Amino acid sequence: MSVDLSASITRQIGGFVRRAEAARDRGALLEGVFFYRIAAGLCRRLVGRSGAAMGEQTHRMRASRYQRLAAGLELAARVQPQTAGAEPWSCAHSESVSSRRQDARRSDDILDTEALRERVKSMVRRSSVSWEDIGGLEEIKEEIQASLALTLAVPPPGVKIPRNQMMLMEGPPGTGKTLLASAVAGHVGATFYDVKTSQLMSRYFGDSERMVSLLFEEARANAPAVIFLDEVDGIASARTGNESGPERRILTTLLSELEGVVDVEDSLPVMVLAATNKPNLLDDALLSRCSRRIRMPLPDRAARAAILRIHIGRAGYDSLVPIEKIAGETQGCSGRDLQQLCLVAVRTMLWRANPQLRDISRTGEQQDQVQHGQNSEAAKDLHAKELTVLPLTQEDFDRALRGAR
């Protein structure tokens, strides 16, 4: 999916630069660093875009300039000027010590923030999963594709388009929530942040909230972007009054960041996908920010047949048993259950078709009697021979089904 966002990004750059200058003028130096870095990141995004208003060299120069301004403000934030007019030595000495302590704390905060920023950057990933790798769920796949397209598209001036900037996928485990997100990662023309909510948790005071803020900051700086929050109930459970202070602060920070993504007009194209198998545990304030809630069902017979074909036919195996027959015998199974079923059936077939596997298994019990590091003859033969692959039989599937039940 390729969308020309050059005009929108150029407008956003100007806005962030003005906010950085305003923050600098009122003395909020670290806030100015924050906005200058976003502006620099957006300039880098424009390099190489055919529809960009200025040349690549100009965008590189602007990115470099904003980065230098951010570095200058960061340096200035580390060194607070000493208060003038303090005549008594003891007072001056006290203020100097206090200033040095503040500078040290501020420097530590900056270093800690950069370390957390690197952790957020490590969440960016690509995926080889395609939409064709997902059996069934055709209507849901189409809806997510349409929502992504509308989120990333640039509307004509004066026109507002409906955007689902936060979508919640809810359903039993193994129904394809993470797989759908992997397909988005592999095929959408956007930066994809794959976030397990446990990655946002920290034992150090304030780090979890900063991680949430940095996640959305990086997403805005690298827009268009998609944030996938897996098992979102881990950080957004309903408030009962018994939760700890850190839990409340994380949820409050997340809600504040989502407010900026969902409700701000002409915002940077950032979309949030969240997944949970416990929607009844989610906080009402989070649910109110979801522009679309998608119920992920267990696969019906046609979907089960499609999933089985993916894990058997597309994996290079044949089956003597009609796929439709196996699909009829697996009612109530999730997509992950069907994947495991196919893996067990294939392993059973390989064990049956390759007696040499039994030989190496038996000789493995005698390895203690052999000199350390020496391979058995059976192991050498196994490495020299190619495995025999036979069509899957009813017996292979029956054994797999007995194990599943």
Protein backbone atom coordinates (compact mmCIF):
# COMPACT_ATOMS: atom_id res chain seq x y z
CA MET A 1 0.00 0.00 0.00
CA SER A 2 1.57 3.28 -1.05
CA VAL A 3 0.08 6.61 0.01
CA ASP A 4 1.55 10.05 -0.73
CA LEU A 5 1.58 11.89 2.60
CA SER A 6 4.15 14.55 1.70
CA ALA A 7 1.81 17.55 1.95
CA SER A 8 0.39 16.44 5.31
CA ILE A 9 3.83 15.69 6.74
CA THR A 10 5.17 19.08 5.59
CA ARG A 11 2.33 20.83 7.46
CA GLN A 12 3.05 18.77 10.54
CA ILE A 13 6.76 19.66 10.43
CA GLY A 14 5.92 23.37 10.57
CA GLY A 15 3.58 22.82 13.50
CA PHE A 16 6.14 20.87 15.53
CA VAL A 17 8.87 23.44 14.84
CA ARG A 18 6.60 26.24 16.09
CA ARG A 19 5.81 24.25 19.23
CA ALA A 20 9.52 23.61 19.79
CA GLU A 21 10.33 27.32 19.47
CA ALA A 22 7.51 28.27 21.84
CA ALA A 23 8.74 25.71 24.40
CA ARG A 24 12.30 27.05 24.08
CA ASP A 25 11.15 30.64 24.58
CA ARG A 26 9.32 29.86 27.82
CA GLY A 27 12.24 27.81 29.15
CA ALA A 28 10.77 24.31 28.70
CA LEU A 29 13.97 23.03 27.11
CA LEU A 30 13.30 19.29 27.20
CA GLU A 31 9.89 19.87 25.68
CA GLY A 32 11.62 21.75 22.86
CA VAL A 33 14.00 18.78 22.40
CA PHE A 34 10.98 16.51 22.07
CA PHE A 35 9.31 18.58 19.30
CA TYR A 36 12.54 19.28 17.39
CA ARG A 37 13.27 15.55 17.25
CA ILE A 38 9.82 14.81 15.89
CA ALA A 39 10.33 17.49 13.21
CA ALA A 40 13.73 15.98 12.30
CA GLY A 41 12.22 12.52 12.02
CA LEU A 42 9.46 13.77 9.74
CA CYS A 43 12.00 15.50 7.49
CA ARG A 44 13.85 12.21 7.14
CA ARG A 45 10.58 10.55 6.18
CA LEU A 46 10.24 12.96 3.26
CA VAL A 47 13.60 12.01 1.76
CA GLY A 48 12.98 10.00 -1.37
CA ARG A 49 9.27 10.79 -1.67
CA SER A 50 8.43 11.73 -5.24
CA GLY A 51 5.64 14.07 -4.18
CA ALA A 52 7.75 16.03 -1.69
CA ALA A 53 7.60 19.76 -2.16
CA MET A 54 11.40 20.21 -1.90
CA GLY A 55 14.40 18.16 -2.94
CA GLU A 56 16.01 15.37 -0.95
CA GLN A 57 19.03 17.50 -0.05
CA THR A 58 16.80 20.19 1.43
CA HIS A 59 14.97 17.68 3.62
CA ARG A 60 18.27 16.19 4.80
CA MET A 61 19.55 19.65 5.69
CA ARG A 62 16.38 20.51 7.58
CA ALA A 63 16.52 17.20 9.48
CA SER A 64 20.15 17.87 10.39
CA ARG A 65 19.33 21.43 11.51
CA TYR A 66 16.45 20.35 13.75
CA GLN A 67 18.60 17.57 15.20
CA ARG A 68 21.33 20.11 16.04
CA LEU A 69 18.79 22.42 17.64
CA ALA A 70 17.48 19.52 19.73
CA ALA A 71 21.04 18.63 20.81
CA GLY A 72 21.71 22.27 21.74
CA LEU A 73 18.58 22.48 23.87
CA GLU A 74 19.41 19.16 25.50
CA LEU A 75 22.87 20.41 26.39
CA ALA A 76 21.44 23.65 27.75
CA ALA A 77 18.97 21.66 29.86
CA ARG A 78 21.84 19.83 31.53
CA VAL A 79 23.55 23.02 32.69
CA GLN A 80 21.42 25.39 34.74
CA PRO A 81 22.91 28.89 35.11
CA GLN A 82 23.93 29.76 38.68
CA THR A 83 21.66 32.23 40.41
CA ALA A 84 23.19 35.74 40.48
CA GLY A 85 23.24 38.12 43.46
CA ALA A 86 23.80 35.51 46.17
CA GLU A 87 26.39 37.31 48.29
CA PRO A 88 26.86 35.03 51.31
CA TRP A 89 29.31 32.25 50.52
CA SER A 90 27.26 29.63 52.30
CA CYS A 91 24.16 30.51 50.30
CA ALA A 92 26.06 30.46 47.03
CA HIS A 93 27.69 27.18 47.97
CA SER A 94 24.32 25.66 48.89
CA GLU A 95 22.74 26.79 45.63
CA SER A 96 25.75 25.50 43.67
CA VAL A 97 25.48 22.06 45.30
CA SER A 98 21.73 22.01 44.70
CA SER A 99 22.25 23.03 41.08
CA ARG A 100 24.84 20.31 40.53
CA ARG A 101 22.51 17.72 42.01
CA GLN A 102 19.68 18.89 39.77
CA ASP A 103 22.00 18.77 36.76
CA ALA A 104 23.09 15.23 37.66
CA ARG A 105 19.50 14.09 38.05
CA ARG A 106 18.53 15.75 34.77
CA SER A 107 21.47 14.13 32.98
CA ASP A 108 20.51 10.73 34.39
CA ASP A 109 16.92 11.28 33.24
CA ILE A 110 18.08 12.07 29.71
CA LEU A 111 20.30 8.98 29.58
CA ASP A 112 17.50 6.79 30.97
CA THR A 113 15.06 8.21 28.43
CA GLU A 114 17.43 7.43 25.56
CA ALA A 115 17.81 3.86 26.83
CA LEU A 116 14.02 3.49 26.95
CA ARG A 117 13.77 5.02 23.47
CA GLU A 118 16.10 2.32 22.15
CA ARG A 119 13.84 -0.32 23.69
CA VAL A 120 10.87 1.20 21.88
CA LYS A 121 12.79 1.24 18.58
CA SER A 122 13.53 -2.46 19.02
CA MET A 123 9.76 -3.12 18.82
CA VAL A 124 9.68 -2.13 15.14
CA ARG A 125 9.48 -5.19 12.93
CA ARG A 126 8.60 -6.52 9.52
CA SER A 127 6.78 -9.76 8.83
CA SER A 128 6.63 -12.26 5.97
CA VAL A 129 3.00 -13.15 6.78
CA SER A 130 0.57 -12.24 4.00
CA TRP A 131 -3.20 -11.96 4.01
CA GLU A 132 -3.31 -15.23 2.03
CA ASP A 133 -1.65 -17.01 4.99
CA ILE A 134 -4.78 -16.45 7.08
CA GLY A 135 -7.58 -18.93 6.53
CA GLY A 136 -11.12 -17.56 6.74
CA LEU A 137 -11.90 -14.21 8.41
CA GLU A 138 -12.49 -12.67 4.98
CA GLU A 139 -14.82 -9.91 6.18
CA ILE A 140 -12.51 -8.99 9.06
CA LYS A 141 -9.44 -8.90 6.79
CA GLU A 142 -11.29 -6.64 4.35
CA GLU A 143 -12.40 -4.31 7.16
CA ILE A 144 -8.88 -3.98 8.58
CA GLN A 145 -7.45 -3.33 5.10
CA ALA A 146 -10.06 -0.64 4.46
CA SER A 147 -9.46 0.99 7.85
CA LEU A 148 -5.72 1.07 7.26
CA ALA A 149 -6.18 2.61 3.84
CA LEU A 150 -8.45 5.35 5.20
CA THR A 151 -6.14 6.04 8.14
CA LEU A 152 -3.10 6.46 5.91
CA ALA A 153 -4.81 8.33 3.09
CA VAL A 154 -4.61 12.11 2.68
CA PRO A 155 -8.09 13.63 2.14
CA PRO A 156 -8.71 16.64 -0.13
CA PRO A 157 -8.64 20.04 1.60
CA GLY A 158 -11.76 20.68 3.65
CA VAL A 159 -12.88 17.05 3.57
CA LYS A 160 -13.01 14.76 6.61
CA ILE A 161 -12.92 11.01 6.15
CA PRO A 162 -14.09 8.41 8.69
CA ARG A 163 -11.07 6.78 10.30
CA ASN A 164 -10.89 3.82 12.66
CA GLN A 165 -7.72 4.97 14.40
CA MET A 166 -8.11 2.46 17.23
CA MET A 167 -9.46 -1.02 16.57
CA LEU A 168 -9.86 -3.67 19.27
CA MET A 169 -9.75 -7.35 18.27
CA GLU A 170 -11.36 -9.54 20.91
CA GLY A 171 -11.91 -13.27 21.00
CA PRO A 172 -10.65 -16.63 22.31
CA PRO A 173 -6.95 -17.48 22.12
CA GLY A 174 -5.73 -18.84 18.80
CA THR A 175 -8.38 -17.18 16.61
CA GLY A 176 -5.91 -15.15 14.54
CA LYS A 177 -5.55 -11.80 16.31
CA THR A 178 -1.75 -11.78 16.31
CA LEU A 179 -1.66 -13.34 12.83
CA LEU A 180 -3.76 -10.47 11.47
CA ALA A 181 -1.37 -7.99 13.04
CA SER A 182 1.56 -9.85 11.45
CA ALA A 183 -0.10 -9.51 8.05
CA VAL A 184 -0.46 -5.78 8.65
CA ALA A 185 3.24 -5.62 9.55
CA GLY A 186 4.20 -7.39 6.35
CA HIS A 187 2.14 -5.43 3.86
CA VAL A 188 1.19 -1.98 5.06
CA GLY A 189 3.40 0.92 3.99
CA ALA A 190 3.93 2.10 7.56
CA THR A 191 6.25 1.66 10.53
CA PHE A 192 4.90 -1.25 12.58
CA TYR A 193 5.40 -1.44 16.36
CA ASP A 194 4.75 -4.95 17.68
CA VAL A 195 4.22 -4.39 21.41
CA LYS A 196 3.68 -7.09 24.01
CA THR A 197 2.28 -5.15 26.93
CA SER A 198 4.67 -6.95 29.28
CA GLN A 199 7.49 -5.10 27.45
CA LEU A 200 6.10 -1.82 28.78
CA MET A 201 6.30 -2.91 32.41
CA SER A 202 9.30 -1.93 34.52
CA ARG A 203 10.20 -2.25 38.19
CA TYR A 204 11.74 1.23 38.19
CA PHE A 205 9.56 4.17 39.18
CA GLY A 206 8.16 6.09 36.21
CA ASP A 207 9.79 3.96 33.48
CA SER A 208 6.57 2.25 32.39
CA GLU A 209 4.74 5.53 31.86
CA ARG A 210 7.73 6.96 29.97
CA MET A 211 7.82 3.86 27.77
CA VAL A 212 4.16 4.37 26.81
CA SER A 213 4.77 8.05 26.02
CA LEU A 214 7.95 7.29 24.04
CA LEU A 215 6.11 4.61 22.06
CA PHE A 216 3.55 7.11 20.79
CA GLU A 217 6.21 9.81 20.37
CA GLU A 218 8.26 7.50 18.12
CA ALA A 219 5.14 6.47 16.20
CA ARG A 220 4.28 10.10 15.49
CA ALA A 221 7.87 10.87 14.48
CA ASN A 222 7.88 7.89 12.08
CA ALA A 223 4.32 8.26 10.79
CA PRO A 224 2.54 6.70 9.05
CA ALA A 225 2.72 4.08 11.78
CA VAL A 226 0.71 1.21 13.25
CA ILE A 227 0.97 0.25 16.94
CA PHE A 228 -0.13 -3.28 17.85
CA LEU A 229 -0.85 -3.74 21.57
CA ASP A 230 -1.08 -7.47 22.23
CA GLU A 231 -2.89 -8.56 25.41
CA VAL A 232 -3.85 -4.96 26.12
CA ASP A 233 -5.76 -6.05 29.24
CA GLY A 234 -2.33 -6.38 30.89
CA ILE A 235 -2.07 -2.58 31.19
CA ALA A 236 -5.68 -1.46 30.77
CA SER A 237 -7.75 -3.48 33.19
CA ALA A 238 -10.85 -1.88 34.68
CA ARG A 239 -10.17 0.37 37.66
CA THR A 240 -11.63 -0.98 40.90
CA GLY A 241 -9.82 1.19 43.45
CA ASN A 242 -7.57 -1.68 44.54
CA GLU A 243 -4.93 -1.27 41.84
CA SER A 244 -1.45 0.02 42.69
CA GLY A 245 -0.13 3.50 41.90
CA PRO A 246 2.01 2.33 38.92
CA GLU A 247 -0.98 0.54 37.35
CA ARG A 248 -3.09 3.70 37.57
CA ARG A 249 -0.31 5.86 36.12
CA ILE A 250 0.30 3.50 33.18
CA LEU A 251 -3.39 3.40 32.32
CA THR A 252 -3.74 7.18 32.66
CA THR A 253 -0.75 7.72 30.37
CA LEU A 254 -2.10 5.26 27.80
CA LEU A 255 -5.53 6.91 27.80
CA SER A 256 -3.94 10.34 27.37
CA GLU A 257 -1.85 9.16 24.41
CA LEU A 258 -4.84 7.44 22.81
CA GLU A 259 -6.81 10.67 23.18
CA GLY A 260 -4.23 12.37 21.00
CA VAL A 261 -4.39 9.63 18.37
CA VAL A 262 -8.16 9.20 18.19
CA ASP A 263 -9.64 12.66 18.72
CA VAL A 264 -7.17 15.20 17.35
CA GLU A 265 -8.16 16.48 13.92
CA ASP A 266 -5.55 16.44 11.16
CA SER A 267 -3.33 14.30 13.38
CA LEU A 268 -0.40 12.34 12.07
CA PRO A 269 -1.52 9.03 10.54
CA VAL A 270 -1.03 6.67 13.48
CA MET A 271 -3.32 3.67 13.90
CA VAL A 272 -3.61 1.51 17.03
CA LEU A 273 -4.55 -2.17 16.86
CA ALA A 274 -5.21 -3.82 20.22
CA ALA A 275 -5.95 -7.45 21.01
CA THR A 276 -7.40 -9.20 24.04
CA ASN A 277 -9.14 -12.46 24.92
CA LYS A 278 -10.64 -10.86 28.06
CA PRO A 279 -12.62 -7.82 26.85
CA ASN A 280 -14.79 -7.88 29.98
CA LEU A 281 -11.72 -6.92 32.04
CA LEU A 282 -10.90 -3.77 30.05
CA ASP A 283 -11.39 -0.29 31.46
CA ASP A 284 -14.47 1.54 30.19
CA ALA A 285 -12.41 4.61 29.29
CA LEU A 286 -10.26 2.51 26.97
CA LEU A 287 -13.29 0.90 25.35
CA SER A 288 -14.79 4.34 24.72
CA ARG A 289 -11.70 5.26 22.67
CA CYS A 290 -12.10 2.26 20.36
CA SER A 291 -13.59 3.40 17.09
CA ARG A 292 -14.22 -0.24 16.14
CA ARG A 293 -14.47 -3.46 18.13
CA ILE A 294 -14.01 -6.66 16.12
CA ARG A 295 -15.20 -9.99 17.49
CA MET A 296 -12.89 -12.82 16.40
CA PRO A 297 -14.97 -16.01 16.11
CA LEU A 298 -13.84 -19.62 16.15
CA PRO A 299 -13.48 -20.78 12.52
CA ASP A 300 -16.50 -22.36 10.85
CA ARG A 301 -16.17 -25.45 8.65
CA ALA A 302 -15.15 -23.53 5.51
CA ALA A 303 -12.57 -21.53 7.47
CA ARG A 304 -11.22 -24.70 9.10
CA ALA A 305 -10.78 -26.27 5.66
CA ALA A 306 -8.91 -23.17 4.46
CA ILE A 307 -6.62 -23.26 7.51
CA LEU A 308 -5.90 -26.97 7.03
CA ARG A 309 -5.00 -26.41 3.39
CA ILE A 310 -2.53 -23.70 4.42
CA HIS A 311 -0.79 -25.96 6.95
CA ILE A 312 -0.82 -29.07 4.76
CA GLY A 313 -0.90 -28.20 1.05
CA ARG A 314 1.12 -24.99 1.20
CA ALA A 315 3.65 -26.65 3.50
CA GLY A 316 4.38 -29.24 0.79
CA TYR A 317 2.42 -32.24 2.06
CA ASP A 318 -0.33 -34.37 0.49
CA SER A 319 -3.27 -35.99 2.22
CA LEU A 320 -5.13 -39.18 1.36
CA VAL A 321 -7.96 -37.91 3.55
CA PRO A 322 -10.19 -35.18 2.09
CA ILE A 323 -9.53 -31.87 3.86
CA GLU A 324 -13.29 -31.29 4.16
CA LYS A 325 -13.59 -34.51 6.19
CA ILE A 326 -10.94 -33.37 8.67
CA ALA A 327 -12.62 -29.95 8.84
CA GLY A 328 -15.88 -31.66 9.81
CA GLU A 329 -14.16 -33.57 12.62
CA THR A 330 -12.57 -30.49 14.20
CA GLN A 331 -15.57 -28.41 15.18
CA GLY A 332 -14.74 -26.05 18.05
CA CYS A 333 -11.03 -25.94 17.24
CA SER A 334 -9.26 -22.59 16.92
CA GLY A 335 -6.79 -21.75 14.21
CA ARG A 336 -3.90 -22.50 16.56
CA ASP A 337 -5.46 -25.86 17.47
CA LEU A 338 -5.62 -26.76 13.76
CA GLN A 339 -2.00 -25.74 13.27
CA GLN A 340 -0.91 -28.02 16.12
CA LEU A 341 -3.10 -30.80 14.73
CA CYS A 342 -1.31 -30.63 11.38
CA LEU A 343 2.11 -30.55 13.03
CA VAL A 344 1.37 -33.70 15.05
CA ALA A 345 -0.04 -35.50 11.99
CA VAL A 346 3.07 -34.62 9.96
CA ARG A 347 5.41 -35.78 12.73
CA THR A 348 3.49 -39.05 12.98
CA MET A 349 3.84 -39.60 9.23
CA LEU A 350 7.58 -38.82 9.23
CA TRP A 351 8.16 -41.22 12.14
CA ARG A 352 6.26 -43.94 10.27
CA ALA A 353 7.96 -43.34 6.91
CA ASN A 354 11.54 -43.10 8.22
CA PRO A 355 12.62 -46.11 10.34
CA GLN A 356 16.13 -44.61 10.67
CA LEU A 357 14.64 -42.10 13.11
CA ARG A 358 14.01 -44.98 15.50
CA ASP A 359 17.60 -46.14 15.11
CA ILE A 360 19.07 -42.81 16.13
CA SER A 361 16.60 -42.57 19.00
CA ARG A 362 17.73 -45.95 20.35
CA THR A 363 21.43 -45.30 19.86
CA GLY A 364 21.05 -41.95 21.59
CA GLU A 365 20.47 -43.85 24.83
CA GLN A 366 23.93 -45.38 24.43
CA GLN A 367 25.79 -42.10 23.89
CA ASP A 368 27.15 -42.12 27.45
CA GLN A 369 29.09 -45.27 26.55
CA VAL A 370 30.69 -43.58 23.52
CA GLN A 371 33.52 -41.07 23.62
CA HIS A 372 32.20 -37.50 24.09
CA GLY A 373 31.60 -35.74 20.76
CA GLN A 374 31.63 -38.92 18.67
CA ASN A 375 28.60 -39.39 16.39
CA SER A 376 26.91 -42.75 16.15
CA GLU A 377 26.72 -44.53 12.82
CA ALA A 378 22.95 -44.05 12.82
CA ALA A 379 23.36 -40.31 13.18
CA LYS A 380 25.81 -40.22 10.27
CA ASP A 381 23.39 -42.19 8.11
CA LEU A 382 20.56 -39.84 9.04
CA HIS A 383 22.56 -36.79 7.93
CA ALA A 384 23.45 -38.50 4.66
CA LYS A 385 19.93 -39.56 3.72
CA GLU A 386 16.95 -37.43 2.76
CA LEU A 387 13.77 -37.98 4.76
CA THR A 388 10.98 -39.86 3.05
CA VAL A 389 7.70 -37.94 2.88
CA LEU A 390 4.43 -39.84 2.37
CA PRO A 391 0.84 -38.62 2.03
CA LEU A 392 -0.95 -38.16 5.34
CA THR A 393 -3.38 -40.94 6.24
CA GLN A 394 -6.48 -41.20 8.39
CA GLU A 395 -4.33 -42.91 11.05
CA ASP A 396 -2.02 -39.87 11.23
CA PHE A 397 -4.94 -37.53 11.74
CA ASP A 398 -6.64 -39.88 14.22
CA ARG A 399 -3.54 -39.95 16.39
CA ALA A 400 -3.30 -36.17 16.24
CA LEU A 401 -6.99 -35.82 17.11
CA ARG A 402 -6.65 -38.17 20.09
CA GLY A 403 -3.78 -36.05 21.38
CA ALA A 404 -5.82 -32.85 20.88
CA ARG A 405 -8.71 -34.19 22.91
